[in-house]
Amino acid sequence: MRPELSALKKEMEESGINKYCYAIDEAGEGYCIYDARSVIEVDVSERGNRYDLQTFTDVNAAIKRFKEMVFSDTVLNKK
């Protein structure tokens, strides 16, 4: 796993967002960021379907987009 994605994983764990709502560099449901080697993929996965797939060559741009998606989700961020 790229160091940037490891740092993101730690940040997400500390954020209080339920870990079952996202996946970092692994298959999962919810918001996903995945290192496909030539590109970084960001999408929303639900029941095996991928929606809003975006690809990035810059890992930091991909992380920024992933965080925008997760932290703008009002259901996940209820206080």
N, C-alpha and C. Protein backbone atom coordinates (compact mmCIF):
# COMPACT_ATOMS: atom_id res chain seq x y z
N MET A 1 0.85 -1.18 0.00
CA MET A 1 0.00 0.00 0.00
C MET A 1 0.89 1.24 0.00
N ARG A 2 0.53 2.20 -0.84
CA ARG A 2 1.28 3.45 -0.90
C ARG A 2 1.25 4.15 0.46
N PRO A 3 2.33 4.82 0.82
CA PRO A 3 2.37 5.53 2.10
C PRO A 3 1.23 6.55 2.26
N GLU A 4 0.86 7.20 1.16
CA GLU A 4 -0.23 8.18 1.22
C GLU A 4 -1.55 7.52 1.60
N LEU A 5 -1.79 6.32 1.08
CA LEU A 5 -3.02 5.60 1.41
C LEU A 5 -2.98 5.05 2.83
N SER A 6 -1.81 4.68 3.31
CA SER A 6 -1.67 4.26 4.71
C SER A 6 -1.99 5.42 5.64
N ALA A 7 -1.50 6.61 5.30
CA ALA A 7 -1.79 7.80 6.11
C ALA A 7 -3.28 8.12 6.07
N LEU A 8 -3.90 7.97 4.91
CA LEU A 8 -5.33 8.20 4.78
C LEU A 8 -6.11 7.22 5.65
N LYS A 9 -5.69 5.97 5.65
CA LYS A 9 -6.36 4.95 6.45
C LYS A 9 -6.34 5.33 7.92
N LYS A 10 -5.20 5.78 8.40
CA LYS A 10 -5.06 6.20 9.79
C LYS A 10 -5.96 7.41 10.07
N GLU A 11 -5.95 8.38 9.16
CA GLU A 11 -6.79 9.57 9.32
C GLU A 11 -8.27 9.20 9.38
N MET A 12 -8.69 8.29 8.53
CA MET A 12 -10.09 7.88 8.52
C MET A 12 -10.46 7.15 9.81
N GLU A 13 -9.57 6.33 10.32
CA GLU A 13 -9.83 5.63 11.58
C GLU A 13 -10.02 6.63 12.71
N GLU A 14 -9.25 7.71 12.69
CA GLU A 14 -9.32 8.73 13.74
C GLU A 14 -10.50 9.68 13.55
N SER A 15 -11.11 9.69 12.37
CA SER A 15 -12.18 10.64 12.07
C SER A 15 -13.51 10.28 12.72
N GLY A 16 -13.69 9.03 13.08
CA GLY A 16 -14.94 8.60 13.66
C GLY A 16 -15.95 8.09 12.65
N ILE A 17 -15.61 8.15 11.36
CA ILE A 17 -16.49 7.59 10.32
C ILE A 17 -16.46 6.07 10.44
N ASN A 18 -17.63 5.45 10.39
CA ASN A 18 -17.73 4.00 10.49
C ASN A 18 -16.87 3.34 9.42
N LYS A 19 -16.01 2.44 9.83
CA LYS A 19 -15.07 1.79 8.90
C LYS A 19 -15.77 0.92 7.85
N TYR A 20 -17.04 0.60 8.06
CA TYR A 20 -17.78 -0.20 7.09
C TYR A 20 -18.40 0.66 5.99
N CYS A 21 -18.18 1.98 6.04
CA CYS A 21 -18.74 2.90 5.04
C CYS A 21 -17.73 3.25 3.96
N TYR A 22 -16.50 2.75 4.09
CA TYR A 22 -15.47 3.06 3.11
C TYR A 22 -14.47 1.92 3.02
N ALA A 23 -13.71 1.91 1.94
CA ALA A 23 -12.64 0.92 1.75
C ALA A 23 -11.43 1.64 1.17
N ILE A 24 -10.27 1.33 1.72
CA ILE A 24 -9.02 1.93 1.24
C ILE A 24 -8.12 0.81 0.76
N ASP A 25 -7.89 0.79 -0.55
CA ASP A 25 -7.02 -0.17 -1.23
C ASP A 25 -7.43 -1.63 -1.00
N GLU A 26 -8.76 -1.84 -0.94
CA GLU A 26 -9.30 -3.19 -0.82
C GLU A 26 -10.75 -3.17 -1.30
N ALA A 27 -11.28 -4.33 -1.58
CA ALA A 27 -12.68 -4.41 -2.02
C ALA A 27 -13.58 -4.08 -0.84
N GLY A 28 -14.66 -3.39 -1.13
CA GLY A 28 -15.59 -3.06 -0.05
C GLY A 28 -16.82 -2.37 -0.58
N GLU A 29 -17.70 -2.02 0.33
CA GLU A 29 -18.92 -1.30 0.02
C GLU A 29 -18.75 0.15 0.47
N GLY A 30 -19.46 1.03 -0.17
CA GLY A 30 -19.41 2.44 0.22
C GLY A 30 -18.39 3.20 -0.62
N TYR A 31 -17.78 4.18 0.00
CA TYR A 31 -16.77 4.99 -0.69
C TYR A 31 -15.47 4.21 -0.77
N CYS A 32 -14.88 4.17 -1.96
CA CYS A 32 -13.68 3.35 -2.16
C CYS A 32 -12.57 4.16 -2.84
N ILE A 33 -11.36 3.89 -2.41
CA ILE A 33 -10.18 4.40 -3.09
C ILE A 33 -9.26 3.20 -3.25
N TYR A 34 -8.78 3.00 -4.48
CA TYR A 34 -8.03 1.78 -4.80
C TYR A 34 -6.84 2.10 -5.69
N ASP A 35 -5.70 1.56 -5.33
CA ASP A 35 -4.49 1.73 -6.12
C ASP A 35 -4.47 0.66 -7.21
N ALA A 36 -4.81 1.06 -8.43
CA ALA A 36 -4.82 0.14 -9.57
C ALA A 36 -3.47 0.16 -10.29
N ARG A 37 -2.46 0.60 -9.61
CA ARG A 37 -1.06 0.70 -10.06
C ARG A 37 -0.82 1.81 -11.07
N SER A 38 -1.47 1.81 -12.19
CA SER A 38 -1.24 2.88 -13.17
C SER A 38 -2.07 4.11 -12.86
N VAL A 39 -3.17 3.91 -12.14
CA VAL A 39 -4.04 5.02 -11.71
C VAL A 39 -4.58 4.70 -10.32
N ILE A 40 -5.11 5.73 -9.67
CA ILE A 40 -5.82 5.56 -8.41
C ILE A 40 -7.31 5.73 -8.74
N GLU A 41 -8.12 4.77 -8.34
CA GLU A 41 -9.55 4.81 -8.63
C GLU A 41 -10.32 5.23 -7.38
N VAL A 42 -11.29 6.11 -7.57
CA VAL A 42 -12.18 6.54 -6.51
C VAL A 42 -13.60 6.32 -7.01
N ASP A 43 -14.42 5.65 -6.20
CA ASP A 43 -15.79 5.39 -6.60
C ASP A 43 -16.67 5.11 -5.39
N VAL A 44 -17.92 4.88 -5.67
CA VAL A 44 -18.88 4.43 -4.66
C VAL A 44 -19.31 3.04 -5.09
N SER A 45 -19.16 2.09 -4.20
CA SER A 45 -19.49 0.70 -4.52
C SER A 45 -20.69 0.26 -3.69
N GLU A 46 -21.64 -0.36 -4.38
CA GLU A 46 -22.83 -0.85 -3.70
C GLU A 46 -23.28 -2.15 -4.34
N ARG A 47 -23.32 -3.19 -3.56
CA ARG A 47 -23.77 -4.51 -4.02
C ARG A 47 -23.05 -4.97 -5.29
N GLY A 48 -21.75 -4.75 -5.31
CA GLY A 48 -20.94 -5.18 -6.43
C GLY A 48 -20.92 -4.25 -7.63
N ASN A 49 -21.69 -3.19 -7.58
CA ASN A 49 -21.70 -2.20 -8.67
C ASN A 49 -20.88 -0.98 -8.26
N ARG A 50 -20.17 -0.44 -9.24
CA ARG A 50 -19.34 0.75 -8.98
C ARG A 50 -19.98 1.96 -9.67
N TYR A 51 -20.12 3.03 -8.90
CA TYR A 51 -20.73 4.26 -9.40
C TYR A 51 -19.75 5.41 -9.26
N ASP A 52 -19.92 6.40 -10.13
CA ASP A 52 -19.10 7.62 -10.07
C ASP A 52 -17.60 7.33 -10.09
N LEU A 53 -17.20 6.35 -10.89
CA LEU A 53 -15.78 5.99 -10.98
C LEU A 53 -14.98 7.15 -11.56
N GLN A 54 -13.93 7.53 -10.84
CA GLN A 54 -13.01 8.55 -11.29
C GLN A 54 -11.60 7.99 -11.16
N THR A 55 -10.76 8.30 -12.13
CA THR A 55 -9.38 7.83 -12.08
C THR A 55 -8.43 9.02 -12.01
N PHE A 56 -7.34 8.82 -11.28
CA PHE A 56 -6.35 9.87 -11.06
C PHE A 56 -4.95 9.29 -11.23
N THR A 57 -4.07 10.08 -11.80
CA THR A 57 -2.66 9.68 -11.85
C THR A 57 -1.92 10.24 -10.64
N ASP A 58 -2.48 11.25 -10.01
CA ASP A 58 -1.89 11.88 -8.82
C ASP A 58 -2.60 11.33 -7.58
N VAL A 59 -1.88 10.63 -6.73
CA VAL A 59 -2.48 10.02 -5.54
C VAL A 59 -3.06 11.08 -4.61
N ASN A 60 -2.44 12.23 -4.50
CA ASN A 60 -2.96 13.28 -3.61
C ASN A 60 -4.27 13.86 -4.13
N ALA A 61 -4.42 13.98 -5.42
CA ALA A 61 -5.69 14.44 -6.00
C ALA A 61 -6.79 13.41 -5.75
N ALA A 62 -6.45 12.15 -5.85
CA ALA A 62 -7.42 11.08 -5.59
C ALA A 62 -7.85 11.09 -4.13
N ILE A 63 -6.91 11.26 -3.23
CA ILE A 63 -7.22 11.32 -1.80
C ILE A 63 -8.11 12.52 -1.51
N LYS A 64 -7.79 13.65 -2.11
CA LYS A 64 -8.61 14.85 -1.91
C LYS A 64 -10.05 14.58 -2.34
N ARG A 65 -10.25 13.97 -3.50
CA ARG A 65 -11.60 13.68 -4.00
C ARG A 65 -12.31 12.68 -3.09
N PHE A 66 -11.61 11.64 -2.67
CA PHE A 66 -12.19 10.64 -1.76
C PHE A 66 -12.69 11.31 -0.48
N LYS A 67 -11.87 12.16 0.11
CA LYS A 67 -12.24 12.85 1.35
C LYS A 67 -13.41 13.80 1.11
N GLU A 68 -13.44 14.48 -0.02
CA GLU A 68 -14.58 15.35 -0.33
C GLU A 68 -15.87 14.54 -0.36
N MET A 69 -15.82 13.37 -0.97
CA MET A 69 -17.01 12.53 -1.07
C MET A 69 -17.46 12.05 0.31
N VAL A 70 -16.53 11.55 1.09
CA VAL A 70 -16.87 10.99 2.40
C VAL A 70 -17.36 12.08 3.34
N PHE A 71 -16.62 13.16 3.44
CA PHE A 71 -16.94 14.17 4.44
C PHE A 71 -18.10 15.08 4.03
N SER A 72 -18.53 15.00 2.79
CA SER A 72 -19.71 15.77 2.39
C SER A 72 -21.00 14.95 2.53
N ASP A 73 -20.88 13.68 2.86
CA ASP A 73 -22.03 12.81 3.04
C ASP A 73 -22.69 13.13 4.39
N THR A 74 -23.84 13.78 4.35
CA THR A 74 -24.49 14.24 5.57
C THR A 74 -24.97 13.09 6.46
N VAL A 75 -25.24 11.94 5.89
CA VAL A 75 -25.65 10.80 6.70
C VAL A 75 -24.49 10.28 7.54
N LEU A 76 -23.30 10.23 6.96
CA LEU A 76 -22.12 9.75 7.68
C LEU A 76 -21.64 10.74 8.73
N ASN A 77 -21.93 12.01 8.52
CA ASN A 77 -21.35 13.05 9.37
C ASN A 77 -22.35 13.68 10.34
N LYS A 78 -23.39 12.94 10.70
CA LYS A 78 -24.33 13.43 11.69
C LYS A 78 -23.64 13.47 13.05
N LYS A 79 -23.84 14.53 13.74
CA LYS A 79 -23.26 14.66 15.10
C LYS A 79 -24.38 14.73 16.12
